[in-house]
């Protein structure tokens, strides 16, 4: 999204993905990465027939996308594009080859990523508090509300 979209588009919805992750942790609505699989249901979607996906849990879908966007950005910044390409290639042969590519399990990578995200928490207090409030008020509508707030903030 940051490459082709804008900060207002999904999954950032006007705030950084790391801000969303911190707010998800704060509101205890974070989804552990090992719970997000190759199936659509774990991402809050289902097959609607004819190759169309239907969202049945908008809040879960947004949480999953925001988390994986932040995690993907961390992996890219930490390990580089060649490791990501290798992960993609090996994933065709083996399910979740994290250890083979990064020398760490998904749980270890996740812990390191969350530690890195939490390290910037002090600088993000205002944004995180805003997102947390939106999540507590309406988890399914938090993204749309955040988009509106971000539009109103722009000069």
Protein backbone atom coordinates (compact mmCIF):
# COMPACT_ATOMS: atom_id res chain seq x y z
CA UNK A 1 0.00 0.00 0.00
CA UNK A 2 2.73 2.46 0.83
CA UNK A 3 4.21 1.87 -2.61
CA UNK A 4 1.04 2.14 -4.72
CA UNK A 5 -1.61 3.58 -2.46
CA UNK A 6 -1.60 6.33 0.08
CA UNK A 7 -1.72 6.54 3.85
CA UNK A 8 -5.49 6.84 3.59
CA UNK A 9 -5.94 3.51 1.84
CA UNK A 10 -6.49 0.10 3.41
CA UNK A 11 -4.79 -1.26 5.57
CA UNK A 12 -3.25 1.94 6.93
CA UNK A 13 -6.49 3.93 6.94
CA UNK A 14 -4.82 7.25 7.64
CA UNK A 15 -2.38 6.02 10.27
CA UNK A 16 0.78 3.93 10.07
CA UNK A 17 0.52 0.16 10.30
CA UNK A 18 2.80 0.19 13.34
CA UNK A 19 0.34 2.59 14.98
CA UNK A 20 -2.46 0.10 14.31
CA UNK A 21 -0.42 -2.76 15.75
CA UNK A 22 0.31 -0.82 18.93
CA UNK A 23 -3.38 0.04 19.27
CA UNK A 24 -4.35 -3.60 18.69
CA UNK A 25 -1.96 -4.66 21.42
CA UNK A 26 -3.31 -1.94 23.71
CA UNK A 27 -6.92 -3.01 23.16
CA UNK A 28 -6.02 -6.70 23.43
CA UNK A 29 -7.37 -7.37 19.94
CA UNK A 30 -4.06 -8.40 18.37
CA UNK A 31 -4.12 -11.64 16.36
CA UNK A 32 -1.00 -13.82 16.78
CA UNK A 33 0.55 -14.34 13.35
CA UNK A 34 0.41 -18.13 13.61
CA UNK A 35 -3.40 -17.80 13.59
CA UNK A 36 -3.33 -16.25 10.11
CA UNK A 37 -3.10 -19.06 7.61
CA UNK A 38 -3.52 -19.59 3.90
CA UNK A 39 -7.28 -19.96 4.34
CA UNK A 40 -9.59 -16.98 3.90
CA UNK A 41 -11.54 -17.53 7.10
CA UNK A 42 -8.61 -16.73 9.39
CA UNK A 43 -8.50 -13.34 7.64
CA UNK A 44 -12.22 -12.64 8.15
CA UNK A 45 -13.26 -13.59 4.61
CA UNK A 46 -14.89 -16.49 2.81
CA UNK A 47 -15.25 -17.68 -0.74
CA UNK A 48 -18.39 -16.14 -2.17
CA UNK A 49 -18.31 -18.31 -5.28
CA UNK A 50 -17.05 -17.47 -8.71
CA UNK A 51 -13.63 -16.56 -7.33
CA UNK A 52 -15.04 -13.68 -5.28
CA UNK A 53 -14.14 -13.17 -1.65
CA UNK A 54 -16.71 -11.87 0.79
CA UNK A 55 -15.81 -10.19 4.06
CA UNK A 56 -17.75 -11.60 7.00
CA UNK A 57 -15.62 -10.04 9.76
CA UNK A 58 -14.41 -6.59 8.73
CA UNK A 59 -12.66 -5.95 12.05
CA UNK A 60 -10.65 -9.17 11.80
CA UNK A 61 -9.82 -8.53 8.16
CA UNK A 62 -8.44 -5.10 8.96
CA UNK A 63 -6.49 -6.34 11.99
CA UNK A 64 -4.94 -9.13 9.94
CA UNK A 65 -3.99 -6.84 7.07
CA UNK A 66 -2.58 -4.09 9.32
CA UNK A 67 -0.53 -6.60 11.31
CA UNK A 68 0.88 -8.38 8.28
CA UNK A 69 1.64 -5.07 6.56
CA UNK A 70 3.65 -3.98 9.60
CA UNK A 71 5.32 -7.39 9.91
CA UNK A 72 6.12 -7.50 6.19
CA UNK A 73 7.66 -4.05 6.37
CA UNK A 74 9.77 -5.14 9.35
CA UNK A 75 10.97 -8.27 7.56
CA UNK A 76 11.77 -6.25 4.43
CA UNK A 77 13.72 -3.58 6.37
CA UNK A 78 15.52 -6.16 8.53
CA UNK A 79 16.31 -8.91 6.02
CA UNK A 80 15.94 -7.37 2.57
CA UNK A 81 14.11 -8.28 -0.59
CA UNK A 82 16.26 -11.31 -1.46
CA UNK A 83 15.20 -13.12 1.71
CA UNK A 84 11.55 -12.32 0.97
CA UNK A 85 11.95 -13.71 -2.54
CA UNK A 86 13.55 -16.85 -1.09
CA UNK A 87 10.66 -17.20 1.37
CA UNK A 88 8.20 -16.99 -1.51
CA UNK A 89 10.08 -19.62 -3.54
CA UNK A 90 10.46 -22.04 -0.62
CA UNK A 91 6.82 -21.55 0.36
CA UNK A 92 5.87 -23.29 -2.87
CA UNK A 93 7.60 -26.44 -1.60
CA UNK A 94 7.24 -26.23 2.17
CA UNK A 95 4.69 -24.67 4.51
CA UNK A 96 5.99 -21.55 6.28
CA UNK A 97 9.77 -22.03 5.89
CA UNK A 98 10.67 -19.20 8.30
CA UNK A 99 13.54 -21.06 9.95
CA UNK A 100 15.07 -22.03 6.59
CA UNK A 101 15.07 -18.46 5.30
CA UNK A 102 15.55 -16.25 8.35
CA UNK A 103 17.16 -18.63 10.84
CA UNK A 104 14.29 -18.01 13.25
CA UNK A 105 10.83 -19.40 13.83
CA UNK A 106 7.74 -17.33 13.11
CA UNK A 107 7.29 -16.88 16.87
CA UNK A 108 10.85 -15.53 17.20
CA UNK A 109 10.41 -13.20 14.22
CA UNK A 110 7.09 -12.02 15.63
CA UNK A 111 8.63 -11.31 19.05
CA UNK A 112 11.49 -9.35 17.45
CA UNK A 113 9.06 -7.38 15.27
CA UNK A 114 6.79 -6.51 18.19
CA UNK A 115 9.83 -5.45 20.23
CA UNK A 116 10.88 -3.13 17.39
CA UNK A 117 7.36 -1.71 17.08
CA UNK A 118 7.09 -1.18 20.85
CA UNK A 119 10.44 0.65 20.82
CA UNK A 120 8.76 3.50 18.94
CA UNK A 121 5.62 3.53 21.11
CA UNK A 122 6.53 6.72 23.00
CA UNK A 123 6.69 8.68 19.73
CA UNK A 124 3.28 7.36 18.66
CA UNK A 125 1.22 7.85 21.83
CA UNK A 126 -1.29 10.30 20.34
CA UNK A 127 -1.95 8.22 17.21
CA UNK A 128 -2.19 4.97 19.18
CA UNK A 129 -4.63 6.50 21.67
CA UNK A 130 -6.81 7.75 18.80
CA UNK A 131 -6.85 4.37 17.07
CA UNK A 132 -7.45 2.50 20.33
CA UNK A 133 -10.49 4.69 21.01
CA UNK A 134 -11.85 3.97 17.52
CA UNK A 135 -11.28 0.24 17.98
CA UNK A 136 -13.08 0.24 21.31
CA UNK A 137 -16.03 2.22 19.92
CA UNK A 138 -16.53 0.24 16.70
CA UNK A 139 -13.95 -2.39 15.70
CA UNK A 140 -15.56 -2.97 12.30
CA UNK A 141 -15.78 0.73 11.48
CA UNK A 142 -12.45 1.87 12.97
CA UNK A 143 -10.70 1.96 9.60
CA UNK A 144 -13.37 4.12 7.96
CA UNK A 145 -13.46 6.45 10.96
CA UNK A 146 -9.66 6.72 10.95
CA UNK A 147 -9.70 7.55 7.24
CA UNK A 148 -12.17 10.37 7.91
CA UNK A 149 -10.07 11.73 10.79
CA UNK A 150 -6.96 11.66 8.60
CA UNK A 151 -8.74 13.48 5.77
CA UNK A 152 -9.85 16.18 8.20
CA UNK A 153 -6.27 16.57 9.54
CA UNK A 154 -4.78 17.23 6.12
CA UNK A 155 -4.24 20.83 5.03
